[in-house]
PDB file of N, CA and C in Angstrom:
ATOM      1  N   MET A   1      28.026  12.193 -25.712  1.00  0.00           N
ATOM      2  CA  MET A   1      27.460  12.294 -24.779  1.00  0.00           C
ATOM      3  C   MET A   1      28.613  12.338 -23.480  1.00  0.00           C
ATOM      4  N   LYS A   2      28.710  13.204 -22.697  1.00  0.00           N
ATOM      5  CA  LYS A   2      29.689  12.997 -21.728  1.00  0.00           C
ATOM      6  C   LYS A   2      29.603  11.754 -20.897  1.00  0.00           C
ATOM      7  N   LYS A   3      30.722  11.422 -20.194  1.00  0.00           N
ATOM      8  CA  LYS A   3      30.596  10.126 -19.433  1.00  0.00           C
ATOM      9  C   LYS A   3      30.284  10.343 -18.200  1.00  0.00           C
ATOM     10  N   THR A   4      29.789  11.765 -17.463  1.00  0.00           N
ATOM     11  CA  THR A   4      29.078  11.952 -16.480  1.00  0.00           C
ATOM     12  C   THR A   4      27.591  11.827 -16.714  1.00  0.00           C
ATOM     13  N   ASP A   5      26.996  12.220 -17.875  1.00  0.00           N
ATOM     14  CA  ASP A   5      26.106  11.872 -18.581  1.00  0.00           C
ATOM     15  C   ASP A   5      25.723  10.492 -18.637  1.00  0.00           C
ATOM     16  N   LEU A   6      26.266   9.814 -19.221  1.00  0.00           N
ATOM     17  CA  LEU A   6      26.312   8.223 -19.349  1.00  0.00           C
ATOM     18  C   LEU A   6      26.052   7.785 -17.565  1.00  0.00           C
ATOM     19  N   ALA A   7      26.977   8.005 -16.952  1.00  0.00           N
ATOM     20  CA  ALA A   7      26.629   7.661 -15.559  1.00  0.00           C
ATOM     21  C   ALA A   7      25.470   7.910 -15.031  1.00  0.00           C
ATOM     22  N   LYS A   8      24.980   9.266 -15.328  1.00  0.00           N
ATOM     23  CA  LYS A   8      23.556   9.594 -14.682  1.00  0.00           C
ATOM     24  C   LYS A   8      22.652   8.770 -15.278  1.00  0.00           C
ATOM     25  N   HIS A   9      22.499   8.422 -16.688  1.00  0.00           N
ATOM     26  CA  HIS A   9      21.614   7.852 -17.464  1.00  0.00           C
ATOM     27  C   HIS A   9      21.652   6.450 -16.852  1.00  0.00           C
ATOM     28  N   ASP A  10      22.791   5.800 -16.686  1.00  0.00           N
ATOM     29  CA  ASP A  10      22.602   4.276 -16.145  1.00  0.00           C
ATOM     30  C   ASP A  10      22.059   4.242 -14.673  1.00  0.00           C
ATOM     31  N   ALA A  11      22.306   5.344 -13.758  1.00  0.00           N
ATOM     32  CA  ALA A  11      22.030   5.312 -12.493  1.00  0.00           C
ATOM     33  C   ALA A  11      20.275   5.502 -12.592  1.00  0.00           C
ATOM     34  N   LYS A  12      20.009   6.376 -13.387  1.00  0.00           N
ATOM     35  CA  LYS A  12      18.288   6.397 -13.398  1.00  0.00           C
ATOM     36  C   LYS A  12      17.617   5.188 -13.946  1.00  0.00           C
ATOM     37  N   LYS A  13      18.446   4.266 -14.892  1.00  0.00           N
ATOM     38  CA  LYS A  13      17.823   3.095 -15.381  1.00  0.00           C
ATOM     39  C   LYS A  13      17.840   2.234 -14.141  1.00  0.00           C
ATOM     40  N   LEU A  14      18.824   2.301 -13.314  1.00  0.00           N
ATOM     41  CA  LEU A  14      18.980   1.018 -12.337  1.00  0.00           C
ATOM     42  C   LEU A  14      17.831   1.571 -11.156  1.00  0.00           C
ATOM     43  N   MET A  15      17.624   2.602 -10.766  1.00  0.00           N
ATOM     44  CA  MET A  15      16.647   3.239  -9.932  1.00  0.00           C
ATOM     45  C   MET A  15      15.461   2.727 -10.497  1.00  0.00           C
ATOM     46  N   ASN A  16      14.966   3.069 -11.575  1.00  0.00           N
ATOM     47  CA  ASN A  16      13.673   2.703 -12.239  1.00  0.00           C
ATOM     48  C   ASN A  16      13.678   1.214 -12.168  1.00  0.00           C
ATOM     49  N   GLN A  17      14.345   0.391 -12.431  1.00  0.00           N
ATOM     50  CA  GLN A  17      14.446  -1.060 -12.298  1.00  0.00           C
ATOM     51  C   GLN A  17      14.051  -1.461 -10.992  1.00  0.00           C
ATOM     52  N   ALA A  18      14.816  -0.936 -10.119  1.00  0.00           N
ATOM     53  CA  ALA A  18      14.804  -1.227  -8.523  1.00  0.00           C
ATOM     54  C   ALA A  18      13.395  -0.850  -8.187  1.00  0.00           C
ATOM     55  N   GLY A  19      12.976   0.203  -8.655  1.00  0.00           N
ATOM     56  CA  GLY A  19      11.363   0.794  -8.309  1.00  0.00           C
ATOM     57  C   GLY A  19      10.462  -0.284  -8.509  1.00  0.00           C
ATOM     58  N   GLN A  20      10.441  -0.798  -9.599  1.00  0.00           N
ATOM     59  CA  GLN A  20       9.450  -1.609 -10.239  1.00  0.00           C
ATOM     60  C   GLN A  20       9.546  -3.078  -9.590  1.00  0.00           C
ATOM     61  N   ARG A  21      10.518  -3.539  -8.805  1.00  0.00           N
ATOM     62  CA  ARG A  21      10.679  -4.796  -8.083  1.00  0.00           C
ATOM     63  C   ARG A  21      10.079  -4.678  -6.680  1.00  0.00           C
ATOM     64  N   MET A  22       9.848  -3.615  -6.036  1.00  0.00           N
ATOM     65  CA  MET A  22       9.519  -3.286  -4.840  1.00  0.00           C
ATOM     66  C   MET A  22       8.363  -4.009  -4.598  1.00  0.00           C
ATOM     67  N   PRO A  23       8.173  -4.935  -3.492  1.00  0.00           N
ATOM     68  CA  PRO A  23       6.902  -5.465  -3.176  1.00  0.00           C
ATOM     69  C   PRO A  23       5.943  -4.495  -2.531  1.00  0.00           C
ATOM     70  N   SER A  24       4.578  -4.861  -2.920  1.00  0.00           N
ATOM     71  CA  SER A  24       3.492  -4.182  -2.550  1.00  0.00           C
ATOM     72  C   SER A  24       2.982  -4.608  -1.333  1.00  0.00           C
ATOM     73  N   PHE A  25       2.251  -3.963  -0.332  1.00  0.00           N
ATOM     74  CA  PHE A  25       1.656  -4.347   0.759  1.00  0.00           C
ATOM     75  C   PHE A  25       0.181  -5.183   0.413  1.00  0.00           C
ATOM     76  N   GLY A  26       0.084  -5.805   1.255  1.00  0.00           N
ATOM     77  CA  GLY A  26      -1.039  -6.613   1.185  1.00  0.00           C
ATOM     78  C   GLY A  26      -0.461  -8.011   1.126  1.00  0.00           C
ATOM     79  N   THR A  27      -1.577  -8.978   0.236  1.00  0.00           N
ATOM     80  CA  THR A  27      -0.862 -10.354   0.196  1.00  0.00           C
ATOM     81  C   THR A  27       0.006 -10.408  -0.739  1.00  0.00           C
ATOM     82  N   ALA A  28       1.166 -11.421  -0.317  1.00  0.00           N
ATOM     83  CA  ALA A  28       2.375 -11.550  -1.038  1.00  0.00           C
ATOM     84  C   ALA A  28       2.029 -12.410  -2.294  1.00  0.00           C
ATOM     85  N   GLU A  29       1.023 -13.297  -2.506  1.00  0.00           N
ATOM     86  CA  GLU A  29       0.919 -14.124  -3.804  1.00  0.00           C
ATOM     87  C   GLU A  29       0.411 -13.238  -4.739  1.00  0.00           C
ATOM     88  N   ALA A  30      -0.626 -12.190  -4.387  1.00  0.00           N
ATOM     89  CA  ALA A  30      -1.261 -11.382  -5.288  1.00  0.00           C
ATOM     90  C   ALA A  30      -0.279 -10.717  -6.244  1.00  0.00           C
ATOM     91  N   ALA A  31      -0.718 -10.743  -7.539  1.00  0.00           N
ATOM     92  CA  ALA A  31       0.216 -10.571  -8.782  1.00  0.00           C
ATOM     93  C   ALA A  31      -0.039  -8.695  -8.557  1.00  0.00           C
ATOM     94  N   PRO A  32       1.105  -7.980  -8.690  1.00  0.00           N
ATOM     95  CA  PRO A  32       1.102  -6.472  -8.719  1.00  0.00           C
ATOM     96  C   PRO A  32       0.205  -5.935  -9.708  1.00  0.00           C
ATOM     97  N   LEU A  33      -0.827  -4.949  -9.453  1.00  0.00           N
ATOM     98  CA  LEU A  33      -1.378  -4.531 -10.500  1.00  0.00           C
ATOM     99  C   LEU A  33      -1.121  -2.928 -10.654  1.00  0.00           C
ATOM    100  N   ASP A  34      -1.259  -2.615 -11.764  1.00  0.00           N
ATOM    101  CA  ASP A  34      -1.339  -0.931 -11.947  1.00  0.00           C
ATOM    102  C   ASP A  34      -1.967  -0.239 -11.116  1.00  0.00           C
ATOM    103  N   ARG A  35      -1.916   0.947 -11.197  1.00  0.00           N
ATOM    104  CA  ARG A  35      -2.918   2.032 -10.444  1.00  0.00           C
ATOM    105  C   ARG A  35      -4.456   1.878 -10.961  1.00  0.00           C
ATOM    106  N   ARG A  36      -4.433   2.099 -12.329  1.00  0.00           N
ATOM    107  CA  ARG A  36      -5.501   2.074 -12.901  1.00  0.00           C
ATOM    108  C   ARG A  36      -6.345   0.736 -12.577  1.00  0.00           C
ATOM    109  N   GLU A  37      -5.660  -0.437 -12.940  1.00  0.00           N
ATOM    110  CA  GLU A  37      -6.323  -1.794 -12.487  1.00  0.00           C
ATOM    111  C   GLU A  37      -6.649  -1.700 -11.117  1.00  0.00           C
ATOM    112  N   GLN A  38      -5.869  -1.350 -10.095  1.00  0.00           N
ATOM    113  CA  GLN A  38      -6.220  -1.306  -8.866  1.00  0.00           C
ATOM    114  C   GLN A  38      -7.522  -0.500  -8.519  1.00  0.00           C
ATOM    115  N   ARG A  39      -7.474   0.977  -9.110  1.00  0.00           N
ATOM    116  CA  ARG A  39      -8.966   1.749  -9.046  1.00  0.00           C
ATOM    117  C   ARG A  39      -9.999   1.110  -9.407  1.00  0.00           C
ATOM    118  N   ASP A  40      -9.993   0.473 -10.548  1.00  0.00           N
ATOM    119  CA  ASP A  40     -10.995  -0.138 -11.167  1.00  0.00           C
ATOM    120  C   ASP A  40     -11.595  -1.165 -10.343  1.00  0.00           C
ATOM    121  N   ARG A  41     -10.697  -2.332  -9.806  1.00  0.00           N
ATOM    122  CA  ARG A  41     -10.950  -3.364  -8.786  1.00  0.00           C
ATOM    123  C   ARG A  41     -11.601  -2.966  -7.536  1.00  0.00           C
ATOM    124  N   ASP A  42     -11.277  -2.006  -6.903  1.00  0.00           N
ATOM    125  CA  ASP A  42     -11.572  -1.482  -5.937  1.00  0.00           C
ATOM    126  C   ASP A  42     -13.022  -0.701  -5.978  1.00  0.00           C
ATOM    127  N   ARG A  43     -13.232  -0.061  -7.230  1.00  0.00           N
ATOM    128  CA  ARG A  43     -14.431   0.470  -7.433  1.00  0.00           C
ATOM    129  C   ARG A  43     -15.519  -0.630  -7.401  1.00  0.00           C
ATOM    130  N   ALA A  44     -15.118  -1.618  -8.249  1.00  0.00           N
ATOM    131  CA  ALA A  44     -15.923  -2.668  -8.221  1.00  0.00           C
ATOM    132  C   ALA A  44     -16.486  -3.309  -7.064  1.00  0.00           C
ATOM    133  N   LEU A  45     -15.621  -3.143  -6.183  1.00  0.00           N
ATOM    134  CA  LEU A  45     -16.011  -3.640  -4.690  1.00  0.00           C
ATOM    135  C   LEU A  45     -16.589  -2.882  -3.965  1.00  0.00           C
ATOM    136  N   GLY A  46     -17.017  -1.640  -4.287  1.00  0.00           N
ATOM    137  CA  GLY A  46     -17.530  -0.561  -3.645  1.00  0.00           C
ATOM    138  C   GLY A  46     -16.720   0.180  -2.679  1.00  0.00           C
ATOM    139  N   LEU A  47     -15.250   0.058  -3.081  1.00  0.00           N
ATOM    140  CA  LEU A  47     -14.363   0.709  -2.093  1.00  0.00           C
ATOM    141  C   LEU A  47     -14.386   1.892  -2.497  1.00  0.00           C
ATOM    142  N   VAL A  48     -13.975   2.929  -1.343  1.00  0.00           N
ATOM    143  CA  VAL A  48     -13.717   4.487  -1.763  1.00  0.00           C
ATOM    144  C   VAL A  48     -12.542   5.018  -0.669  1.00  0.00           C
ATOM    145  N   PRO A  49     -11.362   5.438  -1.556  1.00  0.00           N
ATOM    146  CA  PRO A  49     -10.290   5.782  -0.701  1.00  0.00           C
ATOM    147  C   PRO A  49     -10.672   6.875   0.239  1.00  0.00           C
ATOM    148  N   PHE A  50     -10.335   6.903   1.626  1.00  0.00           N
ATOM    149  CA  PHE A  50     -10.504   7.728   2.466  1.00  0.00           C
ATOM    150  C   PHE A  50      -9.424   7.910   3.478  1.00  0.00           C
ATOM    151  N   ALA A  51      -8.558   9.067   3.306  1.00  0.00           N
ATOM    152  CA  ALA A  51      -7.300   9.318   3.931  1.00  0.00           C
ATOM    153  C   ALA A  51      -7.599   9.941   5.333  1.00  0.00           C
ATOM    154  N   VAL A  52      -6.928   9.503   6.226  1.00  0.00           N
ATOM    155  CA  VAL A  52      -7.177  10.118   7.768  1.00  0.00           C
ATOM    156  C   VAL A  52      -5.758  10.363   8.237  1.00  0.00           C
ATOM    157  N   LYS A  53      -5.476  11.355   9.323  1.00  0.00           N
ATOM    158  CA  LYS A  53      -4.015  11.237   9.861  1.00  0.00           C
ATOM    159  C   LYS A  53      -4.174  10.736  11.282  1.00  0.00           C
ATOM    160  N   LEU A  54      -3.604   9.860  11.692  1.00  0.00           N
ATOM    161  CA  LEU A  54      -3.884   9.384  13.142  1.00  0.00           C
ATOM    162  C   LEU A  54      -2.519   9.335  13.771  1.00  0.00           C
ATOM    163  N   ASN A  55      -2.589   9.454  15.016  1.00  0.00           N
ATOM    164  CA  ASN A  55      -1.514   9.390  15.934  1.00  0.00           C
ATOM    165  C   ASN A  55      -0.737   8.141  15.678  1.00  0.00           C
ATOM    166  N   GLY A  56       0.538   8.220  15.905  1.00  0.00           N
ATOM    167  CA  GLY A  56       1.625   7.226  15.703  1.00  0.00           C
ATOM    168  C   GLY A  56       1.372   5.908  16.456  1.00  0.00           C
ATOM    169  N   ASP A  57       1.135   6.368  17.869  1.00  0.00           N
ATOM    170  CA  ASP A  57       0.642   5.151  18.582  1.00  0.00           C
ATOM    171  C   ASP A  57      -0.606   4.586  18.307  1.00  0.00           C
ATOM    172  N   LEU A  58      -1.619   5.103  17.881  1.00  0.00           N
ATOM    173  CA  LEU A  58      -2.713   4.432  17.265  1.00  0.00           C
ATOM    174  C   LEU A  58      -2.269   3.421  16.230  1.00  0.00           C
ATOM    175  N   VAL A  59      -1.545   4.140  15.365  1.00  0.00           N
ATOM    176  CA  VAL A  59      -1.167   3.281  14.126  1.00  0.00           C
ATOM    177  C   VAL A  59      -0.557   1.966  14.486  1.00  0.00           C
ATOM    178  N   SER A  60       0.368   2.025  15.337  1.00  0.00           N
ATOM    179  CA  SER A  60       1.240   1.278  15.919  1.00  0.00           C
ATOM    180  C   SER A  60       0.308   0.004  16.558  1.00  0.00           C
ATOM    181  N   GLN A  61      -0.399   0.446  17.224  1.00  0.00           N
ATOM    182  CA  GLN A  61      -1.644  -0.742  17.815  1.00  0.00           C
ATOM    183  C   GLN A  61      -2.285  -1.040  16.738  1.00  0.00           C
ATOM    184  N   LEU A  62      -2.956  -0.321  15.802  1.00  0.00           N
ATOM    185  CA  LEU A  62      -3.520  -1.198  14.778  1.00  0.00           C
ATOM    186  C   LEU A  62      -2.875  -2.138  13.949  1.00  0.00           C
ATOM    187  N   GLN A  63      -1.590  -1.931  13.620  1.00  0.00           N
ATOM    188  CA  GLN A  63      -0.633  -2.518  13.037  1.00  0.00           C
ATOM    189  C   GLN A  63      -0.250  -3.917  13.536  1.00  0.00           C
ATOM    190  N   ALA A  64      -0.335  -3.745  15.016  1.00  0.00           N
ATOM    191  CA  ALA A  64       0.088  -4.964  15.750  1.00  0.00           C
ATOM    192  C   ALA A  64      -1.278  -5.842  15.903  1.00  0.00           C
ATOM    193  N   LEU A  65      -2.593  -5.309  15.880  1.00  0.00           N
ATOM    194  CA  LEU A  65      -3.539  -6.071  15.933  1.00  0.00           C
ATOM    195  C   LEU A  65      -3.967  -6.685  14.620  1.00  0.00           C
ATOM    196  N   ALA A  66      -3.804  -5.970  13.525  1.00  0.00           N
ATOM    197  CA  ALA A  66      -3.879  -6.551  12.184  1.00  0.00           C
ATOM    198  C   ALA A  66      -2.856  -7.948  11.995  1.00  0.00           C
ATOM    199  N   LYS A  67      -1.746  -7.676  12.648  1.00  0.00           N
ATOM    200  CA  LYS A  67      -0.556  -8.845  12.309  1.00  0.00           C
ATOM    201  C   LYS A  67      -1.151 -10.000  13.285  1.00  0.00           C
ATOM    202  N   GLU A  68      -1.875  -9.679  14.177  1.00  0.00           N
ATOM    203  CA  GLU A  68      -2.412 -10.597  15.388  1.00  0.00           C
ATOM    204  C   GLU A  68      -3.351 -11.423  14.760  1.00  0.00           C
ATOM    205  N   ARG A  69      -4.249 -10.911  14.048  1.00  0.00           N
ATOM    206  CA  ARG A  69      -5.327 -11.327  13.568  1.00  0.00           C
ATOM    207  C   ARG A  69      -5.061 -11.838  12.262  1.00  0.00           C
ATOM    208  N   GLY A  70      -4.141 -11.587  11.502  1.00  0.00           N
ATOM    209  CA  GLY A  70      -3.812 -12.192  10.336  1.00  0.00           C
ATOM    210  C   GLY A  70      -4.537 -11.153   9.203  1.00  0.00           C
ATOM    211  N   LEU A  71      -5.091 -10.102   9.272  1.00  0.00           N
ATOM    212  CA  LEU A  71      -5.840  -9.249   8.412  1.00  0.00           C
ATOM    213  C   LEU A  71      -4.766  -8.315   7.849  1.00  0.00           C
ATOM    214  N   ASP A  72      -5.576  -7.598   6.679  1.00  0.00           N
ATOM    215  CA  ASP A  72      -4.770  -6.435   6.078  1.00  0.00           C
ATOM    216  C   ASP A  72      -5.259  -5.205   7.017  1.00  0.00           C
ATOM    217  N   MET A  73      -4.833  -3.894   6.587  1.00  0.00           N
ATOM    218  CA  MET A  73      -4.923  -2.960   7.619  1.00  0.00           C
ATOM    219  C   MET A  73      -6.547  -2.317   6.885  1.00  0.00           C
ATOM    220  N   ASN A  74      -6.763  -2.575   5.934  1.00  0.00           N
ATOM    221  CA  ASN A  74      -8.201  -2.091   5.370  1.00  0.00           C
ATOM    222  C   ASN A  74      -9.279  -3.085   6.309  1.00  0.00           C
ATOM    223  N   GLU A  75      -9.076  -3.892   6.161  1.00  0.00           N
ATOM    224  CA  GLU A  75     -10.156  -5.009   6.850  1.00  0.00           C
ATOM    225  C   GLU A  75     -10.252  -4.723   8.132  1.00  0.00           C
ATOM    226  N   LEU A  76      -9.005  -4.332   8.911  1.00  0.00           N
ATOM    227  CA  LEU A  76      -9.075  -3.967  10.361  1.00  0.00           C
ATOM    228  C   LEU A  76      -9.786  -2.753  10.537  1.00  0.00           C
ATOM    229  N   VAL A  77      -9.228  -1.800  10.000  1.00  0.00           N
ATOM    230  CA  VAL A  77     -10.035  -0.457  10.303  1.00  0.00           C
ATOM    231  C   VAL A  77     -11.277  -0.547   9.791  1.00  0.00           C
ATOM    232  N   ALA A  78     -11.732  -1.349   8.794  1.00  0.00           N
ATOM    233  CA  ALA A  78     -13.377  -1.322   8.536  1.00  0.00           C
ATOM    234  C   ALA A  78     -13.944  -2.188   9.683  1.00  0.00           C
ATOM    235  N   GLU A  79     -13.513  -3.217  10.331  1.00  0.00           N
ATOM    236  CA  GLU A  79     -14.019  -3.778  11.417  1.00  0.00           C
ATOM    237  C   GLU A  79     -14.153  -2.956  12.616  1.00  0.00           C
ATOM    238  N   VAL A  80     -12.925  -2.107  13.102  1.00  0.00           N
ATOM    239  CA  VAL A  80     -13.041  -1.382  14.272  1.00  0.00           C
ATOM    240  C   VAL A  80     -14.084  -0.141  14.048  1.00  0.00           C
ATOM    241  N   LEU A  81     -14.155   0.396  12.934  1.00  0.00           N
ATOM    242  CA  LEU A  81     -14.919   1.336  12.741  1.00  0.00           C
ATOM    243  C   LEU A  81     -16.637   0.892  12.838  1.00  0.00           C
ATOM    244  N   ARG A  82     -16.782  -0.302  12.037  1.00  0.00           N
ATOM    245  CA  ARG A  82     -18.235  -0.874  12.177  1.00  0.00           C
ATOM    246  C   ARG A  82     -18.391  -0.931  13.553  1.00  0.00           C
ATOM    247  N   LYS A  83     -17.821  -1.516  14.501  1.00  0.00           N
ATOM    248  CA  LYS A  83     -17.847  -2.032  16.182  1.00  0.00           C
ATOM    249  C   LYS A  83     -18.024  -0.564  16.595  1.00  0.00           C
ATOM    250  N   GLY A  84     -17.243   0.214  16.374  1.00  0.00           N
ATOM    251  CA  GLY A  84     -17.214   1.466  16.961  1.00  0.00           C
ATOM    252  C   GLY A  84     -18.351   2.664  16.600  1.00  0.00           C
ATOM    253  N   LEU A  85     -19.057   2.346  15.449  1.00  0.00           N
ATOM    254  CA  LEU A  85     -20.423   2.885  14.939  1.00  0.00           C
ATOM    255  C   LEU A  85     -21.490   2.191  15.428  1.00  0.00           C
ATOM    256  N   ALA A  86     -21.486   1.004  15.658  1.00  0.00           N
ATOM    257  CA  ALA A  86     -22.507   0.099  16.281  1.00  0.00           C
ATOM    258  C   ALA A  86     -22.850   0.562  17.752  1.00  0.00           C
ATOM    259  N   ALA A  87     -21.694   0.962  18.475  1.00  0.00           N
ATOM    260  CA  ALA A  87     -21.835   0.980  19.823  1.00  0.00           C
ATOM    261  C   ALA A  87     -22.374   2.331  20.095  1.00  0.00           C
TER     262      ALA A  87
END
């Protein structure tokens, strides 16, 4: 193995280790779940993934409101959609 190959291998190993320690969004005290466990948990709660593209200003307003109320983004968007659909 060449010296450059060894350096590349070490760099890849470091990057993988750093990626595994990245914090996830949501509550800080929740243990990180792998994707399959997360999907199963969401499915049991009746949650369905729903991707949309929003204007950056609107997203900033939603993030500020979520921070102000102490909610996560999923809860806030669900609340806003319920109120909007009820009106």
